N, C-alpha and C. Protein backbone atom coordinates (compact mmCIF):
# COMPACT_ATOMS: atom_id res chain seq x y z
N ALA A 1 0.84 -1.19 0.00
CA ALA A 1 0.00 0.00 0.00
C ALA A 1 0.88 1.25 0.00
N ALA A 2 0.40 2.28 -0.66
CA ALA A 2 1.13 3.54 -0.72
C ALA A 2 1.20 4.14 0.67
N SER A 3 2.37 4.68 1.03
CA SER A 3 2.53 5.24 2.36
C SER A 3 2.82 6.73 2.35
N GLY A 4 3.00 7.32 1.19
CA GLY A 4 3.27 8.74 1.11
C GLY A 4 3.05 9.24 -0.30
N PRO A 5 3.23 10.55 -0.52
CA PRO A 5 2.97 11.13 -1.84
C PRO A 5 3.78 10.50 -2.97
N ALA A 6 5.05 10.20 -2.74
CA ALA A 6 5.88 9.62 -3.80
C ALA A 6 5.38 8.23 -4.18
N GLU A 7 5.04 7.42 -3.17
CA GLU A 7 4.54 6.08 -3.44
C GLU A 7 3.19 6.14 -4.12
N ALA A 8 2.34 7.06 -3.71
CA ALA A 8 1.02 7.20 -4.32
C ALA A 8 1.15 7.62 -5.78
N ALA A 9 2.10 8.50 -6.08
CA ALA A 9 2.29 8.95 -7.45
C ALA A 9 2.76 7.79 -8.33
N GLU A 10 3.59 6.91 -7.79
CA GLU A 10 4.06 5.77 -8.56
C GLU A 10 2.94 4.74 -8.76
N ALA A 11 1.99 4.67 -7.84
CA ALA A 11 0.92 3.69 -7.91
C ALA A 11 -0.19 4.12 -8.86
N ALA A 12 -0.36 5.40 -9.07
CA ALA A 12 -1.45 5.90 -9.90
C ALA A 12 -0.94 6.25 -11.29
N GLU A 13 -1.74 5.90 -12.27
CA GLU A 13 -1.46 6.32 -13.64
C GLU A 13 -2.55 7.31 -14.02
N VAL A 14 -2.18 8.43 -14.57
CA VAL A 14 -3.14 9.44 -14.98
C VAL A 14 -3.03 9.63 -16.49
N LEU A 15 -4.12 9.36 -17.18
CA LEU A 15 -4.18 9.62 -18.62
C LEU A 15 -4.90 10.94 -18.81
N ILE A 16 -4.29 11.84 -19.56
CA ILE A 16 -4.90 13.14 -19.85
C ILE A 16 -5.39 13.08 -21.29
N VAL A 17 -6.70 13.25 -21.45
CA VAL A 17 -7.33 13.05 -22.75
C VAL A 17 -7.96 14.35 -23.24
N PRO A 18 -7.45 14.94 -24.32
CA PRO A 18 -8.11 16.13 -24.88
C PRO A 18 -9.49 15.75 -25.39
N THR A 19 -10.48 16.57 -25.07
CA THR A 19 -11.85 16.32 -25.52
C THR A 19 -12.44 17.61 -26.07
N LEU A 20 -13.34 17.43 -27.02
CA LEU A 20 -14.00 18.56 -27.67
C LEU A 20 -12.94 19.56 -28.12
N ASP A 21 -13.23 20.84 -28.07
CA ASP A 21 -12.26 21.83 -28.56
C ASP A 21 -11.31 22.35 -27.49
N ASP A 22 -11.78 22.38 -26.25
CA ASP A 22 -10.98 23.05 -25.22
C ASP A 22 -11.15 22.43 -23.83
N ASN A 23 -11.34 21.13 -23.78
CA ASN A 23 -11.54 20.46 -22.51
C ASN A 23 -10.61 19.26 -22.39
N TYR A 24 -10.54 18.72 -21.18
CA TYR A 24 -9.75 17.52 -20.93
C TYR A 24 -10.53 16.57 -20.05
N CYS A 25 -10.30 15.30 -20.26
CA CYS A 25 -10.78 14.25 -19.38
C CYS A 25 -9.54 13.66 -18.72
N TYR A 26 -9.68 13.24 -17.49
CA TYR A 26 -8.60 12.57 -16.78
C TYR A 26 -9.07 11.17 -16.43
N ILE A 27 -8.23 10.19 -16.70
CA ILE A 27 -8.53 8.81 -16.36
C ILE A 27 -7.50 8.37 -15.34
N LEU A 28 -7.95 8.00 -14.16
CA LEU A 28 -7.07 7.60 -13.07
C LEU A 28 -7.10 6.08 -12.97
N VAL A 29 -5.96 5.46 -13.11
CA VAL A 29 -5.87 4.00 -13.13
C VAL A 29 -5.00 3.51 -11.98
N ASP A 30 -5.49 2.53 -11.25
CA ASP A 30 -4.71 1.90 -10.18
C ASP A 30 -4.16 0.58 -10.69
N ARG A 31 -2.92 0.61 -11.18
CA ARG A 31 -2.31 -0.61 -11.71
C ARG A 31 -1.68 -1.47 -10.61
N THR A 32 -1.77 -1.03 -9.34
CA THR A 32 -1.25 -1.85 -8.26
C THR A 32 -2.25 -2.93 -7.87
N ALA A 33 -3.50 -2.74 -8.21
CA ALA A 33 -4.54 -3.73 -7.93
C ALA A 33 -4.45 -4.84 -8.97
N PRO A 34 -4.96 -6.01 -8.64
CA PRO A 34 -4.98 -7.06 -9.65
C PRO A 34 -5.99 -6.71 -10.75
N PRO A 35 -5.74 -7.16 -11.97
CA PRO A 35 -6.70 -6.90 -13.05
C PRO A 35 -8.05 -7.54 -12.75
N PRO A 36 -9.12 -6.96 -13.21
CA PRO A 36 -9.19 -5.72 -13.97
C PRO A 36 -8.86 -4.52 -13.07
N PHE A 37 -8.06 -3.60 -13.60
CA PHE A 37 -7.60 -2.45 -12.83
C PHE A 37 -8.75 -1.47 -12.56
N PRO A 38 -8.93 -1.04 -11.30
CA PRO A 38 -9.95 -0.03 -11.03
C PRO A 38 -9.54 1.30 -11.66
N LEU A 39 -10.52 2.00 -12.17
CA LEU A 39 -10.23 3.33 -12.71
C LEU A 39 -11.38 4.28 -12.45
N ALA A 40 -11.06 5.55 -12.49
CA ALA A 40 -12.06 6.60 -12.32
C ALA A 40 -11.91 7.59 -13.47
N PHE A 41 -13.03 8.12 -13.90
CA PHE A 41 -13.05 9.13 -14.95
C PHE A 41 -13.37 10.49 -14.33
N VAL A 42 -12.68 11.52 -14.80
CA VAL A 42 -12.99 12.89 -14.41
C VAL A 42 -13.34 13.65 -15.68
N ASP A 43 -14.56 14.14 -15.76
CA ASP A 43 -15.07 14.92 -16.90
C ASP A 43 -14.96 14.19 -18.24
N PRO A 44 -15.53 13.00 -18.35
CA PRO A 44 -15.46 12.25 -19.61
C PRO A 44 -16.52 12.69 -20.62
N SER A 45 -16.36 13.86 -21.19
CA SER A 45 -17.40 14.43 -22.06
C SER A 45 -17.41 13.87 -23.48
N ASP A 46 -16.37 13.18 -23.88
CA ASP A 46 -16.28 12.66 -25.26
C ASP A 46 -15.95 11.16 -25.21
N PRO A 47 -16.98 10.30 -25.26
CA PRO A 47 -16.73 8.86 -25.12
C PRO A 47 -15.76 8.30 -26.14
N GLU A 48 -15.80 8.76 -27.38
CA GLU A 48 -14.89 8.24 -28.40
C GLU A 48 -13.44 8.53 -28.04
N ALA A 49 -13.15 9.72 -27.55
CA ALA A 49 -11.79 10.07 -27.14
C ALA A 49 -11.35 9.24 -25.94
N VAL A 50 -12.28 9.01 -25.01
CA VAL A 50 -11.97 8.21 -23.82
C VAL A 50 -11.64 6.77 -24.21
N PHE A 51 -12.47 6.16 -25.06
CA PHE A 51 -12.22 4.78 -25.48
C PHE A 51 -10.90 4.67 -26.25
N ALA A 52 -10.60 5.64 -27.09
CA ALA A 52 -9.35 5.63 -27.84
C ALA A 52 -8.14 5.71 -26.90
N ALA A 53 -8.24 6.55 -25.88
CA ALA A 53 -7.14 6.68 -24.92
C ALA A 53 -6.94 5.38 -24.14
N LEU A 54 -8.03 4.73 -23.76
CA LEU A 54 -7.92 3.46 -23.05
C LEU A 54 -7.25 2.40 -23.93
N GLU A 55 -7.65 2.34 -25.18
CA GLU A 55 -7.03 1.37 -26.09
C GLU A 55 -5.55 1.66 -26.29
N SER A 56 -5.19 2.94 -26.42
CA SER A 56 -3.78 3.31 -26.60
C SER A 56 -2.93 2.92 -25.40
N ALA A 57 -3.55 2.91 -24.22
CA ALA A 57 -2.83 2.56 -22.99
C ALA A 57 -2.95 1.06 -22.68
N ALA A 58 -3.41 0.28 -23.65
CA ALA A 58 -3.60 -1.17 -23.47
C ALA A 58 -4.57 -1.47 -22.33
N LEU A 59 -5.62 -0.67 -22.26
CA LEU A 59 -6.64 -0.84 -21.22
C LEU A 59 -8.01 -1.06 -21.87
N GLY A 60 -8.06 -2.04 -22.74
CA GLY A 60 -9.30 -2.33 -23.45
C GLY A 60 -10.29 -3.09 -22.59
N PRO A 61 -11.36 -3.57 -23.21
CA PRO A 61 -12.41 -4.31 -22.49
C PRO A 61 -11.83 -5.47 -21.67
N GLY A 62 -12.27 -5.58 -20.44
CA GLY A 62 -11.81 -6.63 -19.56
C GLY A 62 -10.57 -6.30 -18.76
N ALA A 63 -9.83 -5.27 -19.18
CA ALA A 63 -8.59 -4.90 -18.48
C ALA A 63 -8.84 -3.94 -17.34
N VAL A 64 -9.99 -3.26 -17.36
CA VAL A 64 -10.28 -2.24 -16.36
C VAL A 64 -11.68 -2.43 -15.78
N LYS A 65 -11.86 -1.84 -14.61
CA LYS A 65 -13.14 -1.88 -13.93
C LYS A 65 -13.46 -0.45 -13.48
N PRO A 66 -14.33 0.27 -14.21
CA PRO A 66 -14.69 1.62 -13.77
C PRO A 66 -15.35 1.59 -12.39
N VAL A 67 -14.87 2.46 -11.52
CA VAL A 67 -15.43 2.52 -10.16
C VAL A 67 -16.03 3.87 -9.83
N ALA A 68 -15.71 4.90 -10.64
CA ALA A 68 -16.25 6.24 -10.35
C ALA A 68 -16.20 7.12 -11.60
N ILE A 69 -17.16 8.02 -11.68
CA ILE A 69 -17.17 9.05 -12.71
C ILE A 69 -17.44 10.37 -12.00
N PHE A 70 -16.56 11.34 -12.21
CA PHE A 70 -16.71 12.65 -11.60
C PHE A 70 -16.91 13.70 -12.68
N THR A 71 -17.87 14.58 -12.48
CA THR A 71 -17.99 15.75 -13.35
C THR A 71 -17.76 16.97 -12.47
N THR A 72 -16.85 17.83 -12.91
CA THR A 72 -16.44 18.96 -12.07
C THR A 72 -17.11 20.27 -12.47
N HIS A 73 -17.70 20.28 -13.65
CA HIS A 73 -18.35 21.50 -14.14
C HIS A 73 -19.27 21.12 -15.29
N HIS A 74 -19.98 22.10 -15.83
CA HIS A 74 -20.84 21.81 -16.97
C HIS A 74 -20.77 22.91 -18.00
N HIS A 75 -21.16 22.58 -19.20
CA HIS A 75 -21.24 23.51 -20.31
C HIS A 75 -22.62 23.38 -20.93
N TRP A 76 -23.03 24.32 -21.71
CA TRP A 76 -24.35 24.27 -22.33
C TRP A 76 -24.50 23.09 -23.28
N ASP A 77 -23.40 22.63 -23.89
CA ASP A 77 -23.49 21.57 -24.89
C ASP A 77 -23.12 20.19 -24.38
N HIS A 78 -22.62 20.08 -23.17
CA HIS A 78 -22.32 18.80 -22.57
C HIS A 78 -22.23 18.97 -21.06
N ALA A 79 -22.31 17.87 -20.35
CA ALA A 79 -22.34 17.97 -18.90
C ALA A 79 -20.99 17.73 -18.29
């Protein structure tokens, strides 16, 4: 288990995914857990971009287990 900031940073993988014209989604992956790896999404406004990022990181179907979705703000055209 992580015991401090340095260990926690090594345990977490953060994927930064550009979405739409001026937004980002963050995908937090815990690769210290046994597969399927738990992950959380922050502001996943563009599903196609999110799925592409997961595939690029070798985190396709069956490799991950979504455990949380966070939205931090909203826009008129997406939530």
